[in-house]
Amino acid sequence: MNPSMNNRIALYIAFAVCISLFSCSSPQPPKNPPVPVNLYTVSSSTVTYFDKYPANTVALSQVDLHPEVQGYITEIDFVEGSHVKKGQKLYEIDQRLFQDAYDQAKANVDVAVGNQTQAQQDADRYVSLSKQDAVAKQTLDHAVVALDNAKNSVKAAEQALKMAATNLTYSIISAPFDGSIGISQVRLGNLVTVGNTLLNTISTDDPMGVDFLISEKQLQHFEDLKNAKTDATDSLFTIILPNGAIYPQMGKLSIIDRAIDPQTGTIRVRVVFPNPDFSLKPGMSCVLRVHNQETTPQIIVPSRAVVELMGEYFVYIAKDTMARNADDSTKTHPATMAIQKKVQLGQTIAPNVIIKGGIKDGTKIVVDGVQSLHTGSLISLGQKPEGKDGAAAGGNGSEHKKDGKKNGN
């Protein structure tokens, strides 16, 4: 082997030894350092809140006004968008033709009555003569038939008079009930026809219904509310208006629909609210609130402590364990580990949520830092670095324990 080759091999060996010594002397960071988190001690308490449902206001009665006779609009006797009374005159269709038809029908009745009177007199006379055998039987028979025809003519004329009177009445369109009327679809002079023309729409406005959907699982609860032996209206049902204000009147459960929609598994429910100032309009979007009457204590935790994975919900509970030292793996020290626990959620109340199952009183759960955790992660109590997961639950890295009565909207 030549000297240059020996020198090259020696150089490689020296370089490898230097790298090895450098790596051994460099300090290694500990593997998987504890994640700083904040804990929350779970405890049950009485919770006051409302179940909320998207809803819409509906008129209890609503009618589209259509003409029953054809003609030209000659009068419009209401203010559009106003409240009208039952029987109030709304529209008038040109009455001249209908008045003429009525007068003619009435005259026809008078003629028919006169003919009947004459036929009655003839029949009475021939009956008297027939008793004396002073008139042919055929003449008497003809007189009796003429009397029957005269009576039938009177009935026909009276029916024609009724029809003419009805048409004359239909030329006036009146409000069928107290309610609010909309914008007129026709104007003065417009020709309206039977079955084709919509004049307007009128709907009741006091009280007003509020419709919303519930799942079939909630049906029995609402059946119990409907069948409750009290008629008193209280704060059980309230609504939030589109502007966020709470409507001052309280509602009463009125109707549960006859069937569940098999496509959605929901059923429609109607609550009725007084509407004395007509501020509720049909078709308004609102939120119906049902005051929860649960009196037993419930577990409520901050919503940020809950993690959703594939449609299921979990929290991380703190569990004491032993961990190996970073500088000496043969030794251990007390530590705290995060364990993922599946839970069942209830109603969301502002920044909190009710837990229906999965954890119990006294359990310590992680409320800040959950995004950095997995089952088996070591954790340490301490304020999260600002800007990662927000402020800590306790504000100082310590455990946070709720007490007192929680309220939700």
Protein backbone atom coordinates (compact mmCIF):
# COMPACT_ATOMS: atom_id res chain seq x y z
CA MET A 1 0.00 0.00 0.00
CA ASN A 2 1.42 3.35 -0.99
CA PRO A 3 1.99 6.13 1.60
CA SER A 4 -0.61 8.49 0.08
CA MET A 5 -3.35 5.91 0.52
CA ASN A 6 -2.36 5.35 4.17
CA ASN A 7 -2.48 9.07 4.84
CA ARG A 8 -5.98 9.34 3.31
CA ILE A 9 -7.32 6.48 5.46
CA ALA A 10 -5.86 8.04 8.59
CA LEU A 11 -7.49 11.34 7.73
CA TYR A 12 -10.93 9.68 7.34
CA ILE A 13 -10.57 7.92 10.71
CA ALA A 14 -9.63 11.15 12.48
CA PHE A 15 -12.60 12.99 10.92
CA ALA A 16 -15.05 10.26 12.05
CA VAL A 17 -13.64 10.32 15.61
CA CYS A 18 -14.12 14.12 15.78
CA ILE A 19 -17.73 13.89 14.65
CA SER A 20 -18.42 11.17 17.22
CA LEU A 21 -16.85 13.17 20.05
CA PHE A 22 -18.76 16.32 19.04
CA SER A 23 -22.12 14.54 18.97
CA CYS A 24 -21.53 12.94 22.34
CA SER A 25 -20.59 16.21 23.93
CA SER A 26 -23.66 18.12 22.57
CA PRO A 27 -26.58 18.16 25.08
CA GLN A 28 -29.72 16.37 23.75
CA PRO A 29 -33.13 17.96 24.40
CA PRO A 30 -35.45 15.82 26.48
CA LYS A 31 -37.91 13.77 24.45
CA ASN A 32 -41.62 14.82 24.63
CA PRO A 33 -41.44 17.54 27.29
CA PRO A 34 -44.64 18.08 29.34
CA VAL A 35 -47.24 20.29 27.69
CA PRO A 36 -48.23 23.32 29.80
CA VAL A 37 -52.02 23.26 30.37
CA ASN A 38 -54.72 24.52 32.71
CA LEU A 39 -57.05 22.18 34.56
CA TYR A 40 -60.71 22.43 35.55
CA THR A 41 -62.23 20.44 38.39
CA VAL A 42 -65.65 19.09 37.40
CA SER A 43 -68.57 19.47 39.81
CA SER A 44 -72.36 19.39 39.40
CA SER A 45 -74.58 22.39 39.99
CA THR A 46 -78.08 23.60 39.24
CA VAL A 47 -78.21 25.02 35.72
CA THR A 48 -80.77 27.46 34.36
CA TYR A 49 -80.89 27.71 30.57
CA PHE A 50 -83.11 27.63 27.50
CA ASP A 51 -83.33 25.11 24.70
CA LYS A 52 -83.38 27.12 21.46
CA TYR A 53 -85.08 26.32 18.17
CA PRO A 54 -85.09 28.23 14.86
CA ALA A 55 -88.70 29.29 14.27
CA ASN A 56 -91.03 31.32 12.06
CA THR A 57 -94.13 33.30 12.89
CA VAL A 58 -97.35 32.19 11.19
CA ALA A 59 -100.86 33.61 11.08
CA LEU A 60 -103.43 31.33 12.70
CA SER A 61 -105.82 32.13 9.82
CA GLN A 62 -104.96 33.49 6.40
CA VAL A 63 -107.21 33.99 3.37
CA ASP A 64 -106.54 35.03 -0.21
CA LEU A 65 -109.33 37.31 -1.43
CA HIS A 66 -110.67 36.41 -4.89
CA PRO A 67 -113.71 37.86 -6.70
CA GLU A 68 -116.83 35.69 -7.00
CA VAL A 69 -118.17 37.77 -9.91
CA GLN A 70 -116.61 39.44 -12.92
CA GLY A 71 -116.44 43.18 -13.35
CA TYR A 72 -114.44 46.37 -12.93
CA ILE A 73 -113.15 47.60 -9.55
CA THR A 74 -115.00 50.80 -8.67
CA GLU A 75 -114.01 51.23 -4.99
CA ILE A 76 -111.12 50.33 -2.69
CA ASP A 77 -112.15 51.19 0.87
CA PHE A 78 -109.17 50.37 3.13
CA VAL A 79 -105.62 51.46 3.89
CA GLU A 80 -103.10 48.94 2.63
CA GLY A 81 -101.14 47.18 5.35
CA SER A 82 -103.63 48.24 8.04
CA HIS A 83 -105.73 46.35 10.55
CA VAL A 84 -109.32 45.75 9.40
CA LYS A 85 -112.43 44.56 11.21
CA LYS A 86 -114.67 41.63 10.34
CA GLY A 87 -117.36 42.73 7.84
CA GLN A 88 -115.51 45.90 6.84
CA LYS A 89 -115.98 46.78 3.15
CA LEU A 90 -112.76 46.31 1.19
CA TYR A 91 -113.54 46.30 -2.54
CA GLU A 92 -116.55 47.05 -4.73
CA ILE A 93 -117.05 45.65 -8.21
CA ASP A 94 -119.25 47.65 -10.62
CA GLN A 95 -122.76 46.91 -9.30
CA ARG A 96 -124.90 48.24 -12.13
CA LEU A 97 -125.29 44.99 -14.06
CA PHE A 98 -125.87 43.02 -10.87
CA GLN A 99 -128.42 45.55 -9.61
CA ASP A 100 -130.28 45.38 -12.95
CA ALA A 101 -130.29 41.60 -12.84
CA TYR A 102 -131.66 41.69 -9.30
CA ASP A 103 -134.42 44.13 -10.21
CA GLN A 104 -135.41 41.99 -13.19
CA ALA A 105 -135.46 38.82 -11.09
CA LYS A 106 -137.61 40.54 -8.50
CA ALA A 107 -140.07 41.63 -11.19
CA ASN A 108 -140.19 38.06 -12.50
CA VAL A 109 -141.14 36.88 -9.04
CA ASP A 110 -144.01 39.38 -8.94
CA VAL A 111 -145.27 38.12 -12.33
CA ALA A 112 -145.03 34.50 -11.27
CA VAL A 113 -146.91 35.21 -8.04
CA GLY A 114 -149.62 36.94 -10.05
CA ASN A 115 -149.94 33.97 -12.39
CA GLN A 116 -150.16 31.65 -9.43
CA THR A 117 -152.96 33.74 -7.92
CA GLN A 118 -154.91 33.59 -11.19
CA ALA A 119 -154.37 29.84 -11.52
CA GLN A 120 -155.49 29.34 -7.93
CA GLN A 121 -158.71 31.26 -8.55
CA ASP A 122 -159.45 29.23 -11.71
CA ALA A 123 -158.81 25.97 -9.97
CA ASP A 124 -161.04 26.91 -7.02
CA ARG A 125 -163.85 27.90 -9.40
CA TYR A 126 -163.70 24.66 -11.39
CA VAL A 127 -163.60 22.54 -8.25
CA SER A 128 -166.80 24.23 -7.05
CA LEU A 129 -168.52 23.70 -10.45
CA SER A 130 -167.42 20.09 -10.64
CA LYS A 131 -169.28 19.39 -7.42
CA GLN A 132 -172.47 20.49 -9.26
CA ASP A 133 -171.49 18.57 -12.43
CA ALA A 134 -171.45 21.94 -14.19
CA VAL A 135 -167.97 21.63 -15.76
CA ALA A 136 -166.20 19.00 -17.76
CA LYS A 137 -163.67 16.88 -15.82
CA GLN A 138 -160.99 17.63 -18.43
CA THR A 139 -161.34 21.36 -17.77
CA LEU A 140 -160.92 20.78 -14.05
CA ASP A 141 -157.82 18.66 -14.64
CA HIS A 142 -156.26 21.33 -16.81
CA ALA A 143 -156.93 23.96 -14.13
CA VAL A 144 -155.22 21.85 -11.46
CA VAL A 145 -152.15 21.29 -13.69
CA ALA A 146 -151.99 25.01 -14.50
CA LEU A 147 -152.01 25.79 -10.78
CA ASP A 148 -149.11 23.38 -10.15
CA ASN A 149 -147.14 24.95 -13.00
CA ALA A 150 -147.79 28.43 -11.63
CA LYS A 151 -146.49 27.38 -8.20
CA ASN A 152 -143.35 25.91 -9.77
CA SER A 153 -142.84 29.11 -11.77
CA VAL A 154 -142.91 31.08 -8.51
CA LYS A 155 -140.24 28.78 -7.01
CA ALA A 156 -138.03 29.15 -10.10
CA ALA A 157 -138.40 32.94 -10.07
CA GLU A 158 -137.57 33.06 -6.36
CA GLN A 159 -134.41 31.00 -6.95
CA ALA A 160 -133.37 33.33 -9.75
CA LEU A 161 -133.93 36.25 -7.40
CA LYS A 162 -131.72 34.59 -4.77
CA MET A 163 -128.94 34.10 -7.35
CA ALA A 164 -129.21 37.72 -8.48
CA ALA A 165 -129.12 38.85 -4.84
CA THR A 166 -126.05 36.67 -4.22
CA ASN A 167 -124.22 38.12 -7.23
CA LEU A 168 -125.13 41.60 -6.06
CA THR A 169 -123.75 40.76 -2.61
CA TYR A 170 -120.56 39.31 -4.15
CA SER A 171 -119.90 42.63 -5.83
CA ILE A 172 -118.94 43.86 -2.35
CA ILE A 173 -115.84 42.13 -0.88
CA SER A 174 -115.70 42.42 2.92
CA ALA A 175 -113.19 41.29 5.54
CA PRO A 176 -113.97 37.71 6.70
CA PHE A 177 -112.40 38.30 10.13
CA ASP A 178 -110.36 40.80 12.13
CA GLY A 179 -106.82 40.94 10.82
CA SER A 180 -104.16 42.72 8.81
CA ILE A 181 -104.56 43.25 5.08
CA GLY A 182 -101.70 43.50 2.63
CA ILE A 183 -100.90 45.54 -0.44
CA SER A 184 -103.71 45.46 -3.01
CA GLN A 185 -102.99 43.44 -6.14
CA VAL A 186 -105.54 45.42 -8.19
CA ARG A 187 -106.29 49.10 -8.67
CA LEU A 188 -109.37 51.15 -9.49
CA GLY A 189 -110.68 50.34 -12.96
CA ASN A 190 -109.01 46.92 -13.21
CA LEU A 191 -111.12 44.10 -14.65
CA VAL A 192 -111.29 41.14 -12.27
CA THR A 193 -112.41 37.64 -13.26
CA VAL A 194 -113.60 34.67 -11.27
CA GLY A 195 -110.85 32.17 -10.47
CA ASN A 196 -108.01 34.19 -12.01
CA THR A 197 -107.63 37.44 -10.08
CA LEU A 198 -106.07 37.75 -6.63
CA LEU A 199 -107.30 40.88 -4.91
CA ASN A 200 -105.38 40.76 -1.63
CA THR A 201 -104.46 38.60 1.36
CA ILE A 202 -105.75 39.04 4.89
CA SER A 203 -104.45 37.24 7.97
CA THR A 204 -105.17 37.23 11.66
CA ASP A 205 -102.60 39.08 13.76
CA ASP A 206 -103.59 38.58 17.39
CA PRO A 207 -102.66 36.04 18.61
CA MET A 208 -99.76 34.94 16.40
CA GLY A 209 -98.40 31.42 16.02
CA VAL A 210 -94.71 30.46 16.11
CA ASP A 211 -93.79 27.19 14.36
CA PHE A 212 -90.60 25.20 14.94
CA LEU A 213 -89.33 21.65 14.46
CA ILE A 214 -88.33 19.13 17.10
CA SER A 215 -86.80 15.68 16.73
CA GLU A 216 -88.88 12.58 17.34
CA LYS A 217 -86.79 11.93 20.48
CA GLN A 218 -88.12 15.18 21.97
CA LEU A 219 -91.76 14.48 21.08
CA GLN A 220 -92.74 12.88 24.41
CA HIS A 221 -91.34 15.83 26.36
CA PHE A 222 -93.48 18.26 24.40
CA GLU A 223 -96.51 16.00 24.68
CA ASP A 224 -96.07 16.16 28.45
CA LEU A 225 -95.85 19.96 28.30
CA LYS A 226 -99.01 20.14 26.17
CA ASN A 227 -100.95 17.86 28.50
CA ALA A 228 -99.81 19.62 31.68
CA LYS A 229 -102.78 20.44 33.92
CA THR A 230 -102.20 24.15 33.97
CA ASP A 231 -103.38 26.92 31.68
CA ALA A 232 -101.16 29.57 33.19
CA THR A 233 -98.81 31.20 30.69
CA ASP A 234 -95.37 31.68 32.19
CA SER A 235 -91.78 32.00 31.03
CA LEU A 236 -91.70 28.46 29.65
CA PHE A 237 -91.90 29.76 26.05
CA THR A 238 -90.31 32.99 24.87
CA ILE A 239 -88.90 34.18 21.55
CA ILE A 240 -85.89 36.20 20.42
CA LEU A 241 -86.77 38.63 17.65
CA PRO A 242 -84.62 39.14 14.50
CA ASN A 243 -83.02 42.23 16.06
CA GLY A 244 -81.90 40.20 19.09
CA ALA A 245 -84.51 41.61 21.49
CA ILE A 246 -86.59 39.29 23.64
CA TYR A 247 -90.32 39.55 22.85
CA PRO A 248 -92.11 40.74 26.01
CA GLN A 249 -95.11 38.37 25.73
CA MET A 250 -95.04 34.74 26.86
CA GLY A 251 -96.34 31.89 24.70
CA LYS A 252 -98.46 28.79 25.19
CA LEU A 253 -98.04 25.42 23.49
CA SER A 254 -100.97 25.03 21.10
CA ILE A 255 -100.48 22.32 18.46
CA ILE A 256 -98.24 19.32 17.82
CA ASP A 257 -98.53 18.19 14.21
CA ARG A 258 -100.20 14.88 13.37
CA ALA A 259 -97.17 13.06 11.90
CA ILE A 260 -93.37 12.90 11.88
CA ASP A 261 -91.60 13.63 8.61
CA PRO A 262 -89.91 10.30 7.72
CA GLN A 263 -87.26 12.12 5.67
CA THR A 264 -86.00 14.31 8.51
CA GLY A 265 -87.30 12.60 11.65
CA THR A 266 -88.83 15.89 12.83
CA ILE A 267 -92.31 17.09 13.69
CA ARG A 268 -93.77 20.60 13.69
CA VAL A 269 -94.87 22.28 16.92
CA ARG A 270 -96.80 25.55 17.28
CA VAL A 271 -96.70 27.95 20.22
CA VAL A 272 -99.19 30.85 20.30
CA PHE A 273 -98.17 34.33 21.51
CA PRO A 274 -100.35 37.38 22.23
CA ASN A 275 -99.70 40.15 19.71
CA PRO A 276 -101.64 43.17 20.99
CA ASP A 277 -99.54 45.78 19.18
CA PHE A 278 -99.27 43.72 15.96
CA SER A 279 -95.47 43.85 16.10
CA LEU A 280 -95.21 40.19 15.07
CA LYS A 281 -95.73 39.75 11.32
CA PRO A 282 -96.33 36.43 9.54
CA GLY A 283 -93.14 34.93 8.13
CA MET A 284 -90.70 36.52 10.59
CA SER A 285 -87.61 34.49 11.51
CA CYS A 286 -87.03 34.18 15.23
CA VAL A 287 -85.60 31.86 17.87
CA LEU A 288 -88.01 30.10 20.19
CA ARG A 289 -86.67 29.50 23.70
CA VAL A 290 -87.99 26.68 25.87
CA HIS A 291 -87.09 27.15 29.52
CA ASN A 292 -85.41 23.98 30.72
CA GLN A 293 -87.17 22.69 33.82
CA GLU A 294 -84.46 20.24 34.88
CA THR A 295 -83.92 20.68 38.63
CA THR A 296 -81.24 18.04 39.22
CA PRO A 297 -77.60 19.23 39.33
CA GLN A 298 -75.73 18.87 36.04
CA ILE A 299 -72.10 18.94 34.97
CA ILE A 300 -71.12 22.02 32.97
CA VAL A 301 -67.63 22.61 31.54
CA PRO A 302 -66.00 25.21 29.26
CA SER A 303 -66.69 24.43 25.60
CA ARG A 304 -63.01 24.88 24.72
CA ALA A 305 -62.21 21.74 26.74
CA VAL A 306 -64.19 19.57 24.30
CA VAL A 307 -62.56 18.07 21.21
CA GLU A 308 -64.58 16.72 18.27
CA LEU A 309 -63.25 13.75 16.34
CA MET A 310 -65.33 12.25 13.50
CA GLY A 311 -68.63 13.28 15.01
CA GLU A 312 -67.76 12.17 18.56
CA TYR A 313 -66.75 14.35 21.47
CA PHE A 314 -63.88 13.94 23.92
CA VAL A 315 -62.17 15.68 26.82
CA TYR A 316 -58.70 15.11 28.24
CA ILE A 317 -58.62 14.10 31.89
CA ALA A 318 -55.54 14.48 34.09
CA LYS A 319 -54.18 11.24 35.56
CA ASP A 320 -51.25 10.85 37.95
CA THR A 321 -48.47 8.55 36.72
CA MET A 322 -44.71 7.95 36.89
CA ALA A 323 -42.36 9.14 34.12
CA ARG A 324 -38.70 8.36 33.40
CA ASN A 325 -36.11 11.07 34.01
CA ALA A 326 -34.81 12.75 30.88
CA ASP A 327 -31.16 12.53 32.00
CA ASP A 328 -31.34 9.04 33.51
CA SER A 329 -33.86 6.63 32.02
CA THR A 330 -33.36 4.18 34.87
CA LYS A 331 -35.02 6.57 37.29
CA THR A 332 -38.66 7.78 37.46
CA HIS A 333 -40.49 10.73 38.96
CA PRO A 334 -44.18 11.62 39.62
CA ALA A 335 -45.92 13.18 36.59
CA THR A 336 -49.36 13.92 35.21
CA MET A 337 -50.66 12.34 32.01
CA ALA A 338 -53.55 13.41 29.72
CA ILE A 339 -56.02 10.63 28.87
CA GLN A 340 -58.69 11.10 26.19
CA LYS A 341 -62.22 10.41 27.47
CA LYS A 342 -65.39 10.20 25.35
CA VAL A 343 -68.34 12.30 26.60
CA GLN A 344 -71.98 12.96 25.67
CA LEU A 345 -72.83 16.61 25.18
CA GLY A 346 -75.99 18.44 26.21
CA GLN A 347 -77.09 22.05 25.74
CA THR A 348 -74.52 24.72 24.92
CA ILE A 349 -74.75 27.66 27.32
CA ALA A 350 -72.75 30.68 26.16
CA PRO A 351 -69.04 29.64 26.53
CA ASN A 352 -69.96 26.43 28.40
CA VAL A 353 -71.57 23.11 27.57
CA ILE A 354 -73.48 20.55 29.63
CA ILE A 355 -71.95 17.08 29.85
CA LYS A 356 -74.57 14.33 29.96
CA GLY A 357 -72.20 11.43 30.49
CA GLY A 358 -68.60 10.24 30.39
CA ILE A 359 -67.12 12.07 33.38
CA LYS A 360 -68.18 12.61 36.97
CA ASP A 361 -67.71 15.08 39.80
CA GLY A 362 -64.12 15.57 40.92
CA THR A 363 -62.61 14.74 37.53
CA LYS A 364 -59.85 17.11 36.45
CA ILE A 365 -59.99 18.00 32.76
CA VAL A 366 -57.72 20.05 30.51
CA VAL A 367 -59.30 23.33 29.40
CA ASP A 368 -56.35 25.02 27.66
CA GLY A 369 -53.73 23.32 25.53
CA VAL A 370 -55.92 20.46 24.24
CA GLN A 371 -54.76 21.06 20.64
CA SER A 372 -51.25 19.94 21.58
CA LEU A 373 -52.34 16.74 23.36
CA HIS A 374 -52.90 13.09 22.57
CA THR A 375 -53.60 10.18 24.86
CA GLY A 376 -50.51 9.61 27.00
CA SER A 377 -49.11 13.14 26.69
CA LEU A 378 -47.37 14.39 29.81
CA ILE A 379 -48.76 17.69 31.06
CA SER A 380 -47.70 20.36 33.50
CA LEU A 381 -49.73 23.04 35.23
CA GLY A 382 -48.88 26.45 33.94
CA GLN A 383 -50.12 29.38 31.89
CA LYS A 384 -50.20 28.61 28.19
CA PRO A 385 -47.88 30.81 26.11
CA GLU A 386 -49.90 33.79 24.97
CA GLY A 387 -51.27 33.57 21.45
CA LYS A 388 -51.67 29.79 21.20
CA ASP A 389 -54.91 28.77 22.81
CA GLY A 390 -56.08 31.94 24.49
CA ALA A 391 -56.19 32.84 28.17
CA ALA A 392 -56.05 30.17 30.84
CA ALA A 393 -59.17 29.09 32.66
CA GLY A 394 -57.87 30.03 36.07
CA GLY A 395 -55.89 33.04 34.95
CA ASN A 396 -52.78 31.96 36.86
CA GLY A 397 -52.16 28.38 35.79
CA SER A 398 -53.98 26.93 38.78
CA GLU A 399 -57.03 24.68 38.79
CA HIS A 400 -60.39 26.38 38.22
CA LYS A 401 -63.43 25.06 40.08
CA LYS A 402 -66.94 26.36 39.40
CA ASP A 403 -69.49 27.00 42.04
CA GLY A 404 -72.83 28.74 42.34
CA LYS A 405 -75.68 28.87 39.85
CA LYS A 406 -74.95 29.11 36.15
CA ASN A 407 -77.28 31.02 33.87
CA GLY A 408 -77.58 30.79 30.13
CA ASN A 409 -79.58 32.40 27.43
